[in-house]
Protein backbone atom coordinates (compact mmCIF):
# COMPACT_ATOMS: atom_id res chain seq x y z
CA MET A 1 0.89 37.01 130.90
CA SER A 2 3.98 37.81 128.77
CA ARG A 3 6.05 34.80 127.73
CA ASN A 4 9.10 37.12 128.06
CA GLU A 5 9.03 36.86 131.89
CA GLN A 6 7.20 33.55 132.25
CA GLN A 7 9.94 31.60 130.60
CA TYR A 8 12.48 32.93 133.14
CA LEU A 9 10.19 31.85 136.01
CA ASP A 10 9.79 28.47 134.36
CA LEU A 11 13.59 28.09 134.27
CA CYS A 12 13.76 28.77 138.01
CA ARG A 13 11.15 26.12 138.69
CA HIS A 14 12.84 23.62 136.45
CA ILE A 15 16.22 24.07 138.17
CA LEU A 16 14.65 23.73 141.67
CA ASP A 17 12.64 20.64 140.58
CA GLN A 18 15.20 18.91 138.33
CA GLY A 19 18.61 20.43 138.99
CA ALA A 20 21.57 18.33 140.01
CA LYS A 21 23.38 19.24 143.26
CA LYS A 22 26.86 20.46 142.47
CA GLU A 23 29.73 22.01 144.32
CA ASP A 24 31.28 25.15 142.99
CA ARG A 25 34.28 27.50 143.03
CA THR A 26 32.75 29.69 145.76
CA GLY A 27 32.08 26.82 148.17
CA THR A 28 28.41 27.77 148.42
CA GLY A 29 26.83 24.87 146.50
CA THR A 30 24.23 24.97 143.71
CA VAL A 31 21.52 23.10 142.01
CA SER A 32 22.21 23.16 138.32
CA ILE A 33 21.09 22.13 134.82
CA PHE A 34 23.14 22.13 131.61
CA GLY A 35 21.87 23.63 128.42
CA HIS A 36 18.81 25.88 128.32
CA GLN A 37 17.47 28.45 125.91
CA MET A 38 15.01 31.40 126.29
CA ARG A 39 13.77 33.61 123.45
CA PHE A 40 12.62 37.16 124.23
CA ASP A 41 10.54 39.10 121.63
CA LEU A 42 11.86 42.64 122.04
CA ASN A 43 8.70 43.98 120.44
CA GLU A 44 6.61 42.73 123.42
CA GLY A 45 8.17 45.11 125.91
CA PHE A 46 11.61 45.49 127.44
CA PRO A 47 12.52 42.28 129.25
CA LEU A 48 13.24 43.59 132.68
CA LEU A 49 11.74 41.34 135.36
CA THR A 50 8.72 42.63 137.18
CA THR A 51 8.46 39.82 139.84
CA LYS A 52 11.21 41.66 141.69
CA ARG A 53 12.68 45.14 141.19
CA ILE A 54 15.81 45.19 139.04
CA PRO A 55 17.83 48.42 139.25
CA PHE A 56 17.87 49.43 135.58
CA LYS A 57 20.42 52.26 136.02
CA LEU A 58 22.91 49.65 137.22
CA ILE A 59 22.37 47.65 134.02
CA VAL A 60 22.76 50.77 131.89
CA SER A 61 25.96 52.00 133.65
CA GLU A 62 27.55 48.49 133.47
CA LEU A 63 26.77 48.14 129.76
CA LEU A 64 28.12 51.59 128.92
CA TRP A 65 31.22 50.61 130.95
CA PHE A 66 31.62 47.60 128.73
CA ILE A 67 31.03 49.65 125.54
CA LYS A 68 33.61 52.21 126.63
CA GLY A 69 36.20 49.39 126.92
CA ASP A 70 36.70 50.26 130.63
CA THR A 71 37.92 47.62 133.05
CA ASN A 72 38.30 49.71 136.20
CA ILE A 73 35.47 49.93 138.72
CA ARG A 74 36.08 53.64 139.33
CA TYR A 75 33.60 54.59 136.53
CA LEU A 76 30.96 52.27 138.07
CA LEU A 77 31.47 53.74 141.56
CA GLU A 78 31.16 57.26 140.20
CA ASN A 79 27.71 56.11 138.95
CA ASN A 80 26.75 54.49 142.29
CA ASN A 81 27.16 50.99 140.69
CA ASN A 82 28.61 48.49 143.14
CA ILE A 83 27.99 45.23 141.29
CA TRP A 84 31.66 44.50 140.47
CA ASN A 85 33.07 45.65 143.88
CA GLU A 86 33.58 42.25 145.42
CA TRP A 87 36.04 41.00 142.85
CA ALA A 88 38.22 44.07 143.06
CA PHE A 89 37.90 44.23 146.85
CA LYS A 90 39.10 40.56 147.10
CA SER A 91 42.36 41.49 145.37
CA TRP A 92 42.98 44.31 147.88
CA VAL A 93 42.22 42.33 151.06
CA GLU A 94 44.50 39.54 149.85
CA SER A 95 47.37 41.94 149.12
CA ALA A 96 50.34 42.85 151.28
CA ASP A 97 49.00 46.44 151.34
CA TYR A 98 45.96 45.49 153.29
CA THR A 99 46.28 46.00 157.04
CA GLY A 100 42.71 45.62 158.28
CA PRO A 101 40.88 42.62 159.87
CA ASP A 102 41.12 39.28 158.04
CA MET A 103 38.72 39.30 155.08
CA THR A 104 40.39 36.65 152.96
CA ASP A 105 37.58 34.13 153.38
CA PHE A 106 34.78 36.68 153.02
CA GLY A 107 33.27 34.82 150.09
CA LEU A 108 32.72 31.74 152.22
CA ARG A 109 31.55 33.39 155.45
CA SER A 110 27.88 33.74 156.27
CA LEU A 111 26.62 37.29 156.20
CA LYS A 112 24.45 36.33 159.19
CA ASP A 113 27.63 36.64 161.15
CA GLU A 114 26.91 40.21 162.29
CA GLU A 115 30.38 41.10 163.54
CA PHE A 116 31.97 39.89 160.31
CA LYS A 117 29.34 41.79 158.26
CA ARG A 118 30.07 44.95 160.17
CA GLN A 119 33.82 44.62 159.55
CA TYR A 120 33.24 43.69 155.95
CA ASP A 121 30.97 46.74 155.28
CA GLU A 122 33.46 48.99 157.05
CA GLN A 123 36.43 47.74 154.96
CA MET A 124 34.39 47.95 151.77
CA GLU A 125 33.58 51.59 152.39
CA ILE A 126 37.30 52.32 152.93
CA PHE A 127 38.03 50.52 149.69
CA LYS A 128 35.45 52.37 147.66
CA LYS A 129 36.61 55.75 149.06
CA ASN A 130 40.20 54.94 148.10
CA VAL A 131 39.21 53.99 144.61
CA LEU A 132 37.22 57.17 144.14
CA GLU A 133 39.74 59.53 145.67
CA ASP A 134 43.17 58.00 145.05
CA GLN A 135 44.04 57.50 141.38
CA ALA A 136 47.05 55.34 142.06
CA PHE A 137 45.03 53.09 144.36
CA ALA A 138 42.30 52.85 141.75
CA ALA A 139 44.81 51.92 139.04
CA GLN A 140 46.14 49.12 141.16
CA TYR A 141 43.13 47.77 143.01
CA GLY A 142 40.15 49.03 140.98
CA GLU A 143 41.38 47.27 137.88
CA LEU A 144 39.79 43.93 137.00
CA GLY A 145 42.10 42.88 134.14
CA ASN A 146 41.04 41.83 130.68
CA VAL A 147 37.32 41.54 131.39
CA TYR A 148 34.46 42.29 129.03
CA GLY A 149 35.28 45.87 128.05
CA SER A 150 38.83 44.99 127.15
CA GLN A 151 37.86 41.94 125.09
CA TRP A 152 35.02 43.74 123.25
CA ARG A 153 37.06 46.84 122.43
CA ALA A 154 40.77 45.91 122.55
CA TRP A 155 41.29 42.21 121.94
CA THR A 156 45.07 41.59 121.95
CA THR A 157 46.35 39.46 119.12
CA SER A 158 49.41 37.18 119.20
CA ALA A 159 51.18 39.86 117.09
CA GLY A 160 50.55 42.49 119.79
CA ASP A 161 47.86 44.41 117.84
CA THR A 162 44.35 45.05 119.09
CA ILE A 163 40.96 44.36 117.55
CA ASP A 164 37.87 46.46 118.32
CA GLN A 165 35.38 43.66 117.97
CA LEU A 166 32.34 45.75 118.87
CA LYS A 167 33.12 48.53 116.40
CA ASP A 168 33.91 45.96 113.65
CA VAL A 169 30.70 44.05 114.15
CA ILE A 170 28.59 47.17 114.01
CA GLU A 171 30.28 48.24 110.77
CA THR A 172 29.67 44.77 109.33
CA ILE A 173 25.95 44.91 110.26
CA LYS A 174 25.73 48.19 108.27
CA THR A 175 27.69 46.95 105.25
CA ASN A 176 27.00 43.24 105.11
CA PRO A 177 23.93 42.45 107.21
CA ASP A 178 23.61 38.90 105.81
CA SER A 179 27.06 37.96 107.16
CA ARG A 180 27.16 34.88 109.36
CA ARG A 181 30.19 36.28 111.16
CA LEU A 182 28.53 38.99 113.29
CA LEU A 183 30.15 37.73 116.47
CA VAL A 184 31.89 39.23 119.52
CA SER A 185 33.84 36.91 121.82
CA ALA A 186 34.93 37.65 125.39
CA TRP A 187 36.53 34.27 126.02
CA ASN A 188 40.23 34.43 125.35
CA PRO A 189 41.94 31.38 126.93
CA GLU A 190 45.28 33.18 127.18
CA ASP A 191 43.73 35.95 129.32
CA VAL A 192 41.55 33.88 131.61
CA PRO A 193 44.22 33.50 134.32
CA SER A 194 44.60 37.27 134.59
CA MET A 195 40.88 38.07 134.87
CA ALA A 196 39.13 38.82 138.16
CA LEU A 197 36.24 36.75 136.87
CA PRO A 198 36.58 34.83 133.59
CA PRO A 199 33.68 35.80 131.29
CA CYS A 200 30.35 34.16 132.06
CA HIS A 201 28.74 35.61 128.99
CA THR A 202 31.30 34.39 126.54
CA MET A 203 30.13 35.10 123.01
CA PHE A 204 27.27 36.89 121.29
CA GLN A 205 26.09 36.91 117.65
CA PHE A 206 23.81 39.15 115.67
CA TYR A 207 21.39 38.28 112.88
CA VAL A 208 19.53 40.61 110.52
CA SER A 209 16.32 39.59 108.84
CA GLU A 210 13.41 41.64 107.39
CA GLY A 211 14.92 44.83 108.76
CA LYS A 212 15.20 43.52 112.35
CA LEU A 213 18.25 42.95 114.46
CA SER A 214 18.36 39.87 116.70
CA CYS A 215 21.10 38.82 119.18
CA GLN A 216 21.97 35.49 120.63
CA LEU A 217 24.21 35.15 123.72
CA TYR A 218 26.02 32.05 124.85
CA GLN A 219 26.56 32.20 128.55
CA ARG A 220 28.78 29.46 129.97
CA SER A 221 27.64 29.97 133.57
CA GLY A 222 24.55 31.78 134.87
CA ASP A 223 23.60 32.68 138.47
CA VAL A 224 19.93 32.42 137.65
CA PHE A 225 18.58 34.44 140.60
CA LEU A 226 21.04 37.34 140.77
CA GLY A 227 22.98 37.46 137.52
CA VAL A 228 20.74 36.20 134.66
CA PRO A 229 18.04 38.94 135.01
CA PHE A 230 20.84 41.54 134.54
CA ASN A 231 22.25 39.67 131.56
CA ILE A 232 18.85 39.47 129.83
CA ALA A 233 18.26 43.17 130.19
CA SER A 234 21.87 44.13 129.36
CA TYR A 235 21.97 42.29 126.01
CA ALA A 236 18.38 43.33 125.18
CA LEU A 237 19.56 46.93 125.68
CA LEU A 238 22.73 46.36 123.60
CA THR A 239 20.52 45.01 120.78
CA HIS A 240 18.33 48.10 120.96
CA LEU A 241 21.27 50.46 120.88
CA ILE A 242 23.01 48.76 117.95
CA ALA A 243 19.75 48.46 116.03
CA HIS A 244 19.22 52.16 116.53
CA GLU A 245 22.68 53.00 115.14
CA CYS A 246 22.20 50.66 112.17
CA GLY A 247 18.80 51.90 111.28
CA LEU A 248 17.08 48.58 112.08
CA LYS A 249 14.12 47.56 114.19
CA VAL A 250 14.64 45.01 117.02
CA GLY A 251 13.83 41.34 116.73
CA GLU A 252 14.64 38.78 119.42
CA PHE A 253 17.15 38.37 122.22
CA ILE A 254 17.96 34.68 122.49
CA HIS A 255 19.68 33.56 125.69
CA THR A 256 21.51 30.20 125.56
CA LEU A 257 22.84 29.03 128.91
CA GLY A 258 25.46 26.36 129.62
CA ASP A 259 25.55 25.78 133.43
CA ALA A 260 22.32 27.41 134.65
CA HIS A 261 22.34 27.30 138.46
CA ILE A 262 20.68 28.53 141.61
CA TYR A 263 22.85 28.89 144.70
CA THR A 264 21.70 26.96 147.76
CA ASN A 265 21.51 30.17 149.77
CA HIS A 266 19.06 31.64 147.22
CA PHE A 267 16.29 29.03 147.51
CA GLU A 268 14.14 31.07 149.84
CA GLN A 269 14.40 34.14 147.66
CA VAL A 270 13.61 32.26 144.47
CA ASN A 271 10.47 30.71 146.03
CA LYS A 272 9.36 34.13 147.18
CA GLN A 273 9.75 35.44 143.61
CA LEU A 274 7.89 32.48 142.14
CA ALA A 275 4.89 33.22 144.38
CA ARG A 276 4.45 36.61 142.67
CA GLU A 277 2.43 37.46 139.57
CA PRO A 278 4.29 39.11 136.70
CA LYS A 279 3.16 42.58 135.62
CA ALA A 280 3.26 44.35 132.25
CA LEU A 281 6.77 44.91 130.85
CA PRO A 282 8.11 48.44 130.53
CA GLU A 283 8.99 50.33 127.34
CA LEU A 284 12.54 51.40 126.56
CA LYS A 285 13.26 55.04 125.68
CA ILE A 286 16.57 56.12 124.15
CA ASN A 287 17.78 59.52 123.00
CA GLU A 288 17.29 59.21 119.24
CA GLU A 289 19.47 62.21 118.61
CA LYS A 290 22.50 60.09 119.49
CA THR A 291 23.61 58.25 116.34
CA SER A 292 26.41 55.97 117.68
CA VAL A 293 26.43 53.36 120.38
CA PHE A 294 29.65 54.96 121.63
CA GLU A 295 27.94 58.35 122.31
CA PHE A 296 25.33 57.18 124.81
CA GLU A 297 25.46 58.34 128.43
CA LEU A 298 23.25 57.34 131.39
CA GLU A 299 20.80 60.16 130.93
CA ASP A 300 20.07 59.03 127.30
CA ILE A 301 18.39 55.77 128.33
CA SER A 302 15.28 55.28 130.44
CA LEU A 303 12.21 53.12 130.98
CA VAL A 304 8.53 54.02 130.84
CA GLY A 305 5.95 52.06 132.80
CA TYR A 306 8.21 49.97 135.00
CA ASP A 307 6.11 49.03 138.06
CA PRO A 308 7.66 45.89 139.55
CA HIS A 309 7.21 44.06 142.81
CA THR A 310 9.70 44.97 145.54
CA GLY A 311 13.31 43.89 145.33
CA ILE A 312 14.58 40.68 146.89
CA LYS A 313 18.04 40.69 148.41
CA ALA A 314 20.47 37.73 148.30
CA PRO A 315 24.18 37.29 148.98
CA VAL A 316 26.63 37.29 146.07
CA ALA A 317 28.83 34.22 145.76
CA VAL A 318 32.32 35.43 144.90
C-alpha cells in the first residue's frame, strides 16, 4: 500500500480519535487537531486519492485559474467547475439586488430540508446563468476579491505597484536554485477583509536538490474530508508543472497543516472512506510541448490509470 494515500487516511483516523471539539465560523462544528505534516513522494505516483473519486479536471481548472491570476468564477463555470460558487452566491443573496426567497442563512441550514434545498438549487442555477451570460453581473457578483490568483500574480504593494510572485519564483528557480527565498505568499493582512474567503493555503516554498523540485505548503486551515484532497493534488500538480518548465524532476510535496479539522456533518462520510482499501495511484501526463506554466490549458493535463472507488458526497460549510 502506498504511503502517499495511507498517511492521509491516518490523519483522518487521528482527528476522529484525538481531535478536540471546536466551534467554527460556519456554525457547523468540527473536531480538530493543530499542527500536522504529510510528505508525498511524487515519484511514487500522482497523489490523487483512490478511496473516493476526486474530480481531477476540477483540480486542474482551479489551478489554471489561480495561475492565470483570475479571481472571477466565470472562468470556472465555463469549465463546469462549481467549487467556488457558494462564496460568490452568498454575496449576491445578501445584496439589495437579490429578490428571491431568503437564502441568507443557507450556510447554516440543513440540506435535508428538501424545500430549502429545492429553492437553493433553483436560485443557484439562476445565479450561474447570470454569471455566464451577463458580463456586468459577473463583474459584480462573480468576483471573489483578492483571492489566490490575485495574490500569486498581482500582489499590491504599499506603493501601489504589483508583484508577480509566481513568475518571479519560477525565474529564481531557474537562475538561483539554491535560494532559500523561493516563496509565494497568499496571506496579505491588509486584503483579508475584502476576500470572499481568506486564504487557507497561505504560503508555499520550493526547494531544489539533486535536480529535483520539492514544494512545501503551509495551510492555516484544512477541511480534511472535502478540501485537503484537492489541496494535495493541486500543489502536486503545480510542482510538476514548474519542474517541467525549469527542466527539473519532481521530488516531494510536503503538506504542513495548522488547524486540520473534520466537520461534524462529515463523520459518516469519513468512516465510509476509511473502510475502503486504497488502490494504485495514477500517473500524471502533461503536454511536454508546452514550455511555460502560463501556457497550459485543460486539455494539456491528464491522468493515466486512475481507478478509484466511487465518490462520497458531503455538504460544504460556507
